[in-house]
Amino acid sequence: MKSEPFTSSPSAYLRYTMLVWMMSRGWLLFIPLFVTVALASVLGDIRWAIVAVAYMLVCVPMILTPVALKYILTPSARRQLALKSVEIDPDRNIAIRYYDRNSDDDALIPGEGEIISASEVKAIFHFRRHTVIWLDKPDIQLILIPD
């Protein structure tokens, strides 16, 4: 299977990166929230509910901002926004080919590429607009393929 050259939007990259992060480690953010809501309901004390709201409005955004910046400021993010095509061969290896645009006639010029082995694929998710391939590589975490 080979795709036509495509690019991903920065908002889609951030959305799916945060979604994958939330599925892997994000549930830990909600433990203090559940504890404070449980304390508010068991003790009948409204102050614990206020603590839960303050946690959601103050602490959670402060925790998620460095996480988002960690993934945005990587070479992987730059590669996600580049014009590329993806080819998956029968051995389930993934070949990514990057393209440059010729400034004169807007033609596509093949550039460098990379091959990702099937053992480096953690999971594949199908969403409404994208297929997300979650990788176990330090330099590239996600591949977004528009549907």
Protein backbone atom coordinates (compact mmCIF):
# COMPACT_ATOMS: atom_id res chain seq x y z
CA MET A 1 0.00 0.00 0.00
CA LYS A 2 1.38 3.39 -0.97
CA SER A 3 -0.12 6.77 -0.24
CA GLU A 4 -0.06 9.90 -2.33
CA PRO A 5 2.15 12.70 -0.97
CA PHE A 6 0.41 14.40 1.94
CA THR A 7 1.09 16.67 4.88
CA SER A 8 -0.38 16.85 8.37
CA SER A 9 -1.59 19.97 10.12
CA PRO A 10 0.08 21.09 13.36
CA SER A 11 -3.22 20.93 15.23
CA ALA A 12 -3.82 17.32 14.13
CA TYR A 13 -0.31 16.36 15.22
CA LEU A 14 -0.79 17.95 18.65
CA ARG A 15 -4.28 16.45 19.03
CA TYR A 16 -3.20 12.89 18.28
CA THR A 17 0.06 13.19 20.23
CA MET A 18 -1.84 14.30 23.32
CA LEU A 19 -4.45 11.59 22.74
CA VAL A 20 -1.81 8.85 22.57
CA TRP A 21 -0.05 10.29 25.63
CA MET A 22 -3.35 10.40 27.54
CA MET A 23 -4.04 6.77 26.65
CA SER A 24 -0.63 5.68 27.88
CA ARG A 25 -0.01 7.85 30.96
CA GLY A 26 -2.75 10.45 31.14
CA TRP A 27 -5.03 8.47 33.38
CA LEU A 28 -2.63 9.27 36.23
CA LEU A 29 -3.80 12.89 36.04
CA PHE A 30 -7.28 11.89 37.12
CA ILE A 31 -6.36 9.99 40.30
CA PRO A 32 -6.20 13.16 42.48
CA LEU A 33 -9.44 14.35 40.89
CA PHE A 34 -11.26 11.12 41.74
CA VAL A 35 -9.85 11.16 45.28
CA THR A 36 -10.99 14.72 45.95
CA VAL A 37 -14.45 14.11 44.44
CA ALA A 38 -14.78 10.95 46.55
CA LEU A 39 -13.77 12.88 49.67
CA ALA A 40 -16.29 15.60 48.84
CA SER A 41 -19.11 13.10 48.43
CA VAL A 42 -18.20 10.87 51.41
CA LEU A 43 -17.49 13.67 53.86
CA GLY A 44 -20.15 15.99 52.49
CA ASP A 45 -17.64 18.83 52.53
CA ILE A 46 -17.87 21.27 49.62
CA ARG A 47 -14.26 22.35 50.13
CA TRP A 48 -13.03 19.08 48.59
CA ALA A 49 -15.15 19.77 45.50
CA ILE A 50 -13.53 23.21 45.25
CA VAL A 51 -10.11 21.54 45.50
CA ALA A 52 -11.11 19.21 42.63
CA VAL A 53 -12.18 22.15 40.45
CA ALA A 54 -8.98 24.05 41.28
CA TYR A 55 -6.95 20.97 40.40
CA MET A 56 -8.66 20.68 37.00
CA LEU A 57 -8.35 24.39 36.20
CA VAL A 58 -4.84 25.07 37.54
CA CYS A 59 -2.76 21.92 37.90
CA VAL A 60 -3.81 19.86 34.88
CA PRO A 61 -3.01 22.59 32.29
CA MET A 62 0.33 23.22 34.03
CA ILE A 63 1.15 19.51 33.72
CA LEU A 64 -0.02 19.17 30.10
CA THR A 65 1.83 22.24 28.78
CA PRO A 66 5.37 20.80 29.24
CA VAL A 67 4.14 17.49 27.82
CA ALA A 68 2.83 19.24 24.72
CA LEU A 69 6.01 21.29 24.35
CA LYS A 70 8.14 18.15 24.72
CA TYR A 71 6.49 16.65 21.65
CA ILE A 72 6.12 19.88 19.65
CA LEU A 73 9.78 20.90 19.87
CA THR A 74 11.25 17.72 18.38
CA PRO A 75 12.57 16.81 14.95
CA SER A 76 9.71 14.33 14.81
CA ALA A 77 7.21 17.20 14.79
CA ARG A 78 9.04 18.87 11.92
CA ARG A 79 8.97 15.62 9.96
CA GLN A 80 5.25 15.18 10.65
CA LEU A 81 4.51 18.53 9.04
CA ALA A 82 6.69 17.87 5.99
CA LEU A 83 5.28 16.68 2.68
CA LYS A 84 5.68 12.90 2.60
CA SER A 85 4.30 9.62 1.34
CA VAL A 86 4.01 6.38 3.29
CA GLU A 87 4.40 2.89 1.88
CA ILE A 88 3.68 -0.28 3.85
CA ASP A 89 5.17 -3.38 2.25
CA PRO A 90 3.93 -6.98 2.68
CA ASP A 91 6.50 -7.57 5.45
CA ARG A 92 4.74 -4.76 7.38
CA ASN A 93 7.76 -2.47 7.20
CA ILE A 94 6.94 1.20 6.76
CA ALA A 95 8.86 3.34 4.28
CA ILE A 96 8.49 7.11 4.55
CA ARG A 97 9.62 9.27 1.63
CA TYR A 98 9.92 13.03 2.15
CA TYR A 99 9.42 15.49 -0.71
CA ASP A 100 10.54 19.02 -1.47
CA ARG A 101 8.63 21.38 -3.73
CA ASN A 102 10.44 22.92 -6.66
CA SER A 103 9.90 26.67 -6.38
CA ASP A 104 9.77 27.16 -10.16
CA ASP A 105 7.04 24.77 -11.29
CA ASP A 106 5.74 23.39 -7.96
CA ALA A 107 6.87 19.89 -8.90
CA LEU A 108 7.61 17.34 -6.20
CA ILE A 109 11.26 16.43 -5.77
CA PRO A 110 11.89 13.18 -3.86
CA GLY A 111 14.13 13.74 -0.87
CA GLU A 112 15.44 11.58 1.91
CA GLY A 113 13.46 8.74 3.39
CA GLU A 114 13.49 6.30 6.24
CA ILE A 115 12.38 2.74 6.85
CA ILE A 116 10.66 1.68 10.05
CA SER A 117 10.60 -2.01 10.86
CA ALA A 118 7.42 -3.77 11.95
CA SER A 119 8.91 -4.47 15.39
CA GLU A 120 9.00 -0.71 16.11
CA VAL A 121 5.23 -0.31 15.69
CA LYS A 122 3.49 -0.19 19.09
CA ALA A 123 -0.08 0.21 17.88
CA ILE A 124 -2.23 1.39 14.99
CA PHE A 125 -5.34 3.47 15.67
CA HIS A 126 -8.04 4.37 13.15
CA PHE A 127 -9.84 7.62 13.84
CA ARG A 128 -12.38 9.58 11.84
CA ARG A 129 -9.91 11.59 9.75
CA HIS A 130 -6.54 9.93 10.34
CA THR A 131 -4.84 6.63 10.84
CA VAL A 132 -2.25 6.98 13.60
CA ILE A 133 0.73 4.64 13.76
CA TRP A 134 2.29 4.79 17.23
CA LEU A 135 6.00 3.93 17.11
CA ASP A 136 8.51 2.79 19.67
CA LYS A 137 11.31 5.06 18.43
CA PRO A 138 12.94 7.94 20.28
CA ASP A 139 13.20 10.18 17.21
CA ILE A 140 9.70 9.74 15.75
CA GLN A 141 6.69 8.85 17.89
CA LEU A 142 3.72 9.05 15.53
CA ILE A 143 2.89 8.79 11.86
CA LEU A 144 -0.36 10.49 10.86
CA ILE A 145 -1.92 9.25 7.63
CA PRO A 146 -5.06 11.10 6.49
CA ASP A 147 -7.97 8.91 5.43
